[in-house]
Amino acid sequence: MIAVKQVRSLIGRKQDHKDTLRALGISRMGQTVYHEESPAIKGMVKKLEYMLEVTEVDVKDEG
């Protein structure tokens, strides 16, 4: 799993970048969401890598 956190503002960004962030489930600055790694998620993260912070999460830690 990966944790995806928005660290830069959406103000002044392209509409497709805003839509992609919304598709990831992020609706505000500083919000963190968790996703299983898949080609679709990796592609969305790569597109927005300049405004996201991504960390690997070990599923065992979540108990």
PDB file of N, CA and C in Angstrom:
ATOM      1  N   MET A   1       0.840  -1.188   0.000  1.00  0.00           N
ATOM      2  CA  MET A   1       0.000   0.000   0.000  1.00  0.00           C
ATOM      3  C   MET A   1       0.881   1.246   0.000  1.00  0.00           C
ATOM      4  N   ILE A   2       0.310   2.322  -0.486  1.00  0.00           N
ATOM      5  CA  ILE A   2       1.012   3.602  -0.471  1.00  0.00           C
ATOM      6  C   ILE A   2       0.125   4.653   0.182  1.00  0.00           C
ATOM      7  N   ALA A   3       0.768   5.587   0.848  1.00  0.00           N
ATOM      8  CA  ALA A   3       0.083   6.739   1.427  1.00  0.00           C
ATOM      9  C   ALA A   3       0.375   7.930   0.522  1.00  0.00           C
ATOM     10  N   VAL A   4      -0.669   8.638   0.107  1.00  0.00           N
ATOM     11  CA  VAL A   4      -0.533   9.774  -0.799  1.00  0.00           C
ATOM     12  C   VAL A   4      -1.046  11.010  -0.080  1.00  0.00           C
ATOM     13  N   LYS A   5      -0.183  12.038   0.014  1.00  0.00           N
ATOM     14  CA  LYS A   5      -0.533  13.270   0.722  1.00  0.00           C
ATOM     15  C   LYS A   5      -0.329  14.463  -0.194  1.00  0.00           C
ATOM     16  N   GLN A   6      -1.313  15.372  -0.218  1.00  0.00           N
ATOM     17  CA  GLN A   6      -1.186  16.597  -1.014  1.00  0.00           C
ATOM     18  C   GLN A   6      -0.356  17.600  -0.224  1.00  0.00           C
ATOM     19  N   VAL A   7       0.717  18.104  -0.847  1.00  0.00           N
ATOM     20  CA  VAL A   7       1.597  19.053  -0.162  1.00  0.00           C
ATOM     21  C   VAL A   7       1.677  20.403  -0.877  1.00  0.00           C
ATOM     22  N   ARG A   8       1.068  20.528  -2.070  1.00  0.00           N
ATOM     23  CA  ARG A   8       1.038  21.801  -2.785  1.00  0.00           C
ATOM     24  C   ARG A   8      -0.380  22.113  -3.214  1.00  0.00           C
ATOM     25  N   SER A   9      -0.674  23.384  -3.372  1.00  0.00           N
ATOM     26  CA  SER A   9      -2.025  23.853  -3.674  1.00  0.00           C
ATOM     27  C   SER A   9      -2.456  23.534  -5.102  1.00  0.00           C
ATOM     28  N   LEU A  10      -3.763  23.417  -5.287  1.00  0.00           N
ATOM     29  CA  LEU A  10      -4.356  23.220  -6.608  1.00  0.00           C
ATOM     30  C   LEU A  10      -4.634  24.533  -7.331  1.00  0.00           C
ATOM     31  N   ILE A  11      -4.501  25.645  -6.649  1.00  0.00           N
ATOM     32  CA  ILE A  11      -4.823  26.943  -7.247  1.00  0.00           C
ATOM     33  C   ILE A  11      -3.948  27.180  -8.475  1.00  0.00           C
ATOM     34  N   GLY A  12      -4.592  27.483  -9.587  1.00  0.00           N
ATOM     35  CA  GLY A  12      -3.892  27.779 -10.829  1.00  0.00           C
ATOM     36  C   GLY A  12      -3.437  26.559 -11.601  1.00  0.00           C
ATOM     37  N   ARG A  13      -3.863  25.369 -11.213  1.00  0.00           N
ATOM     38  CA  ARG A  13      -3.464  24.138 -11.907  1.00  0.00           C
ATOM     39  C   ARG A  13      -4.445  23.827 -13.027  1.00  0.00           C
ATOM     40  N   LYS A  14      -4.025  22.967 -13.940  1.00  0.00           N
ATOM     41  CA  LYS A  14      -4.882  22.537 -15.032  1.00  0.00           C
ATOM     42  C   LYS A  14      -6.062  21.741 -14.480  1.00  0.00           C
ATOM     43  N   GLN A  15      -7.187  21.796 -15.204  1.00  0.00           N
ATOM     44  CA  GLN A  15      -8.393  21.104 -14.765  1.00  0.00           C
ATOM     45  C   GLN A  15      -8.180  19.599 -14.674  1.00  0.00           C
ATOM     46  N   ASP A  16      -7.413  19.011 -15.608  1.00  0.00           N
ATOM     47  CA  ASP A  16      -7.211  17.566 -15.543  1.00  0.00           C
ATOM     48  C   ASP A  16      -6.373  17.160 -14.336  1.00  0.00           C
ATOM     49  N   HIS A  17      -5.510  18.042 -13.848  1.00  0.00           N
ATOM     50  CA  HIS A  17      -4.758  17.759 -12.623  1.00  0.00           C
ATOM     51  C   HIS A  17      -5.692  17.808 -11.414  1.00  0.00           C
ATOM     52  N   LYS A  18      -6.602  18.762 -11.406  1.00  0.00           N
ATOM     53  CA  LYS A  18      -7.587  18.845 -10.330  1.00  0.00           C
ATOM     54  C   LYS A  18      -8.466  17.600 -10.310  1.00  0.00           C
ATOM     55  N   ASP A  19      -8.888  17.172 -11.503  1.00  0.00           N
ATOM     56  CA  ASP A  19      -9.739  15.989 -11.615  1.00  0.00           C
ATOM     57  C   ASP A  19      -9.007  14.731 -11.165  1.00  0.00           C
ATOM     58  N   THR A  20      -7.738  14.630 -11.498  1.00  0.00           N
ATOM     59  CA  THR A  20      -6.947  13.471 -11.102  1.00  0.00           C
ATOM     60  C   THR A  20      -6.785  13.425  -9.594  1.00  0.00           C
ATOM     61  N   LEU A  21      -6.545  14.545  -8.980  1.00  0.00           N
ATOM     62  CA  LEU A  21      -6.411  14.591  -7.525  1.00  0.00           C
ATOM     63  C   LEU A  21      -7.718  14.172  -6.864  1.00  0.00           C
ATOM     64  N   ARG A  22      -8.837  14.638  -7.405  1.00  0.00           N
ATOM     65  CA  ARG A  22     -10.152  14.264  -6.879  1.00  0.00           C
ATOM     66  C   ARG A  22     -10.375  12.760  -7.043  1.00  0.00           C
ATOM     67  N   ALA A  23      -9.925  12.196  -8.168  1.00  0.00           N
ATOM     68  CA  ALA A  23     -10.068  10.757  -8.417  1.00  0.00           C
ATOM     69  C   ALA A  23      -9.256   9.933  -7.420  1.00  0.00           C
ATOM     70  N   LEU A  24      -8.162  10.505  -6.943  1.00  0.00           N
ATOM     71  CA  LEU A  24      -7.371   9.829  -5.910  1.00  0.00           C
ATOM     72  C   LEU A  24      -8.060   9.881  -4.549  1.00  0.00           C
ATOM     73  N   GLY A  25      -9.066  10.733  -4.418  1.00  0.00           N
ATOM     74  CA  GLY A  25      -9.803  10.835  -3.165  1.00  0.00           C
ATOM     75  C   GLY A  25      -9.322  11.948  -2.264  1.00  0.00           C
ATOM     76  N   ILE A  26      -8.525  12.850  -2.804  1.00  0.00           N
ATOM     77  CA  ILE A  26      -7.987  13.962  -2.013  1.00  0.00           C
ATOM     78  C   ILE A  26      -8.818  15.207  -2.288  1.00  0.00           C
ATOM     79  N   SER A  27      -9.290  15.849  -1.224  1.00  0.00           N
ATOM     80  CA  SER A  27     -10.144  17.021  -1.398  1.00  0.00           C
ATOM     81  C   SER A  27      -9.603  18.276  -0.725  1.00  0.00           C
ATOM     82  N   ARG A  28      -8.490  18.168   0.004  1.00  0.00           N
ATOM     83  CA  ARG A  28      -7.933  19.364   0.658  1.00  0.00           C
ATOM     84  C   ARG A  28      -6.434  19.189   0.921  1.00  0.00           C
ATOM     85  N   MET A  29      -5.772  20.305   1.140  1.00  0.00           N
ATOM     86  CA  MET A  29      -4.340  20.312   1.424  1.00  0.00           C
ATOM     87  C   MET A  29      -4.038  19.517   2.692  1.00  0.00           C
ATOM     88  N   GLY A  30      -2.960  18.770   2.662  1.00  0.00           N
ATOM     89  CA  GLY A  30      -2.522  18.038   3.840  1.00  0.00           C
ATOM     90  C   GLY A  30      -3.247  16.731   4.069  1.00  0.00           C
ATOM     91  N   GLN A  31      -4.249  16.437   3.261  1.00  0.00           N
ATOM     92  CA  GLN A  31      -5.008  15.197   3.424  1.00  0.00           C
ATOM     93  C   GLN A  31      -4.192  14.014   2.920  1.00  0.00           C
ATOM     94  N   THR A  32      -4.249  12.907   3.646  1.00  0.00           N
ATOM     95  CA  THR A  32      -3.563  11.685   3.258  1.00  0.00           C
ATOM     96  C   THR A  32      -4.596  10.606   2.966  1.00  0.00           C
ATOM     97  N   VAL A  33      -4.410   9.916   1.845  1.00  0.00           N
ATOM     98  CA  VAL A  33      -5.264   8.782   1.495  1.00  0.00           C
ATOM     99  C   VAL A  33      -4.369   7.571   1.248  1.00  0.00           C
ATOM    100  N   TYR A  34      -4.947   6.385   1.387  1.00  0.00           N
ATOM    101  CA  TYR A  34      -4.202   5.145   1.220  1.00  0.00           C
ATOM    102  C   TYR A  34      -4.777   4.364   0.050  1.00  0.00           C
ATOM    103  N   HIS A  35      -3.883   3.836  -0.795  1.00  0.00           N
ATOM    104  CA  HIS A  35      -4.297   3.068  -1.967  1.00  0.00           C
ATOM    105  C   HIS A  35      -3.404   1.852  -2.124  1.00  0.00           C
ATOM    106  N   GLU A  36      -3.987   0.788  -2.677  1.00  0.00           N
ATOM    107  CA  GLU A  36      -3.190  -0.354  -3.110  1.00  0.00           C
ATOM    108  C   GLU A  36      -2.412   0.090  -4.341  1.00  0.00           C
ATOM    109  N   GLU A  37      -1.182  -0.390  -4.479  1.00  0.00           N
ATOM    110  CA  GLU A  37      -0.410  -0.042  -5.660  1.00  0.00           C
ATOM    111  C   GLU A  37      -0.970  -0.773  -6.866  1.00  0.00           C
ATOM    112  N   SER A  38      -1.285  -0.024  -7.910  1.00  0.00           N
ATOM    113  CA  SER A  38      -1.761  -0.590  -9.168  1.00  0.00           C
ATOM    114  C   SER A  38      -1.252   0.318 -10.285  1.00  0.00           C
ATOM    115  N   PRO A  39      -1.258  -0.163 -11.507  1.00  0.00           N
ATOM    116  CA  PRO A  39      -0.800   0.692 -12.614  1.00  0.00           C
ATOM    117  C   PRO A  39      -1.593   1.995 -12.719  1.00  0.00           C
ATOM    118  N   ALA A  40      -2.891   1.941 -12.466  1.00  0.00           N
ATOM    119  CA  ALA A  40      -3.719   3.150 -12.562  1.00  0.00           C
ATOM    120  C   ALA A  40      -3.330   4.167 -11.491  1.00  0.00           C
ATOM    121  N   ILE A  41      -3.162   3.716 -10.259  1.00  0.00           N
ATOM    122  CA  ILE A  41      -2.780   4.615  -9.157  1.00  0.00           C
ATOM    123  C   ILE A  41      -1.377   5.163  -9.399  1.00  0.00           C
ATOM    124  N   LYS A  42      -0.460   4.319  -9.833  1.00  0.00           N
ATOM    125  CA  LYS A  42       0.909   4.774 -10.116  1.00  0.00           C
ATOM    126  C   LYS A  42       0.918   5.860 -11.184  1.00  0.00           C
ATOM    127  N   GLY A  43       0.067   5.700 -12.213  1.00  0.00           N
ATOM    128  CA  GLY A  43      -0.012   6.699 -13.275  1.00  0.00           C
ATOM    129  C   GLY A  43      -0.538   8.030 -12.771  1.00  0.00           C
ATOM    130  N   MET A  44      -1.572   7.984 -11.927  1.00  0.00           N
ATOM    131  CA  MET A  44      -2.122   9.227 -11.366  1.00  0.00           C
ATOM    132  C   MET A  44      -1.095   9.920 -10.483  1.00  0.00           C
ATOM    133  N   VAL A  45      -0.380   9.139  -9.669  1.00  0.00           N
ATOM    134  CA  VAL A  45       0.637   9.705  -8.782  1.00  0.00           C
ATOM    135  C   VAL A  45       1.776  10.314  -9.603  1.00  0.00           C
ATOM    136  N   LYS A  46       2.191   9.631 -10.667  1.00  0.00           N
ATOM    137  CA  LYS A  46       3.273  10.151 -11.506  1.00  0.00           C
ATOM    138  C   LYS A  46       2.882  11.475 -12.150  1.00  0.00           C
ATOM    139  N   LYS A  47       1.626  11.591 -12.568  1.00  0.00           N
ATOM    140  CA  LYS A  47       1.145  12.815 -13.205  1.00  0.00           C
ATOM    141  C   LYS A  47       1.208  14.000 -12.239  1.00  0.00           C
ATOM    142  N   LEU A  48       0.975  13.745 -10.952  1.00  0.00           N
ATOM    143  CA  LEU A  48       0.904  14.812  -9.953  1.00  0.00           C
ATOM    144  C   LEU A  48       2.071  14.778  -8.967  1.00  0.00           C
ATOM    145  N   GLU A  49       3.181  14.149  -9.342  1.00  0.00           N
ATOM    146  CA  GLU A  49       4.275  13.968  -8.397  1.00  0.00           C
ATOM    147  C   GLU A  49       4.830  15.282  -7.845  1.00  0.00           C
ATOM    148  N   TYR A  50       4.646  16.385  -8.563  1.00  0.00           N
ATOM    149  CA  TYR A  50       5.145  17.675  -8.100  1.00  0.00           C
ATOM    150  C   TYR A  50       4.324  18.251  -6.938  1.00  0.00           C
ATOM    151  N   MET A  51       3.131  17.716  -6.703  1.00  0.00           N
ATOM    152  CA  MET A  51       2.301  18.249  -5.623  1.00  0.00           C
ATOM    153  C   MET A  51       1.935  17.202  -4.573  1.00  0.00           C
ATOM    154  N   LEU A  52       2.498  16.000  -4.696  1.00  0.00           N
ATOM    155  CA  LEU A  52       2.185  14.926  -3.760  1.00  0.00           C
ATOM    156  C   LEU A  52       3.410  14.444  -3.019  1.00  0.00           C
ATOM    157  N   GLU A  53       3.170  13.884  -1.852  1.00  0.00           N
ATOM    158  CA  GLU A  53       4.204  13.200  -1.084  1.00  0.00           C
ATOM    159  C   GLU A  53       3.724  11.749  -0.950  1.00  0.00           C
ATOM    160  N   VAL A  54       4.517  10.808  -1.439  1.00  0.00           N
ATOM    161  CA  VAL A  54       4.110   9.408  -1.463  1.00  0.00           C
ATOM    162  C   VAL A  54       5.055   8.589  -0.590  1.00  0.00           C
ATOM    163  N   THR A  55       4.479   7.770   0.277  1.00  0.00           N
ATOM    164  CA  THR A  55       5.289   6.893   1.123  1.00  0.00           C
ATOM    165  C   THR A  55       4.712   5.481   1.083  1.00  0.00           C
ATOM    166  N   GLU A  56       5.606   4.522   1.188  1.00  0.00           N
ATOM    167  CA  GLU A  56       5.221   3.112   1.229  1.00  0.00           C
ATOM    168  C   GLU A  56       4.713   2.789   2.626  1.00  0.00           C
ATOM    169  N   VAL A  57       3.603   2.066   2.712  1.00  0.00           N
ATOM    170  CA  VAL A  57       3.013   1.712   4.001  1.00  0.00           C
ATOM    171  C   VAL A  57       2.983   0.187   4.090  1.00  0.00           C
ATOM    172  N   ASP A  58       3.453  -0.331   5.215  1.00  0.00           N
ATOM    173  CA  ASP A  58       3.427  -1.760   5.434  1.00  0.00           C
ATOM    174  C   ASP A  58       2.055  -2.123   6.000  1.00  0.00           C
ATOM    175  N   VAL A  59       1.329  -3.005   5.347  1.00  0.00           N
ATOM    176  CA  VAL A  59      -0.027  -3.373   5.743  1.00  0.00           C
ATOM    177  C   VAL A  59      -0.032  -4.010   7.123  1.00  0.00           C
ATOM    178  N   LYS A  60       1.020  -4.712   7.509  1.00  0.00           N
ATOM    179  CA  LYS A  60       1.104  -5.371   8.816  1.00  0.00           C
ATOM    180  C   LYS A  60       1.038  -4.355   9.968  1.00  0.00           C
ATOM    181  N   ASP A  61       1.533  -3.118   9.713  1.00  0.00           N
ATOM    182  CA  ASP A  61       1.559  -2.088  10.754  1.00  0.00           C
ATOM    183  C   ASP A  61       0.156  -1.627  11.141  1.00  0.00           C
ATOM    184  N   GLU A  62      -0.815  -1.779  10.239  1.00  0.00           N
ATOM    185  CA  GLU A  62      -2.151  -1.253  10.489  1.00  0.00           C
ATOM    186  C   GLU A  62      -2.993  -2.165  11.354  1.00  0.00           C
ATOM    187  N   GLY A  63      -2.480  -3.360  11.641  1.00  0.00           N
ATOM    188  CA  GLY A  63      -3.042  -4.268  12.581  1.00  0.00           C
ATOM    189  C   GLY A  63      -4.297  -4.923  12.282  1.00  0.00           C
TER     190      GLY A  63
END
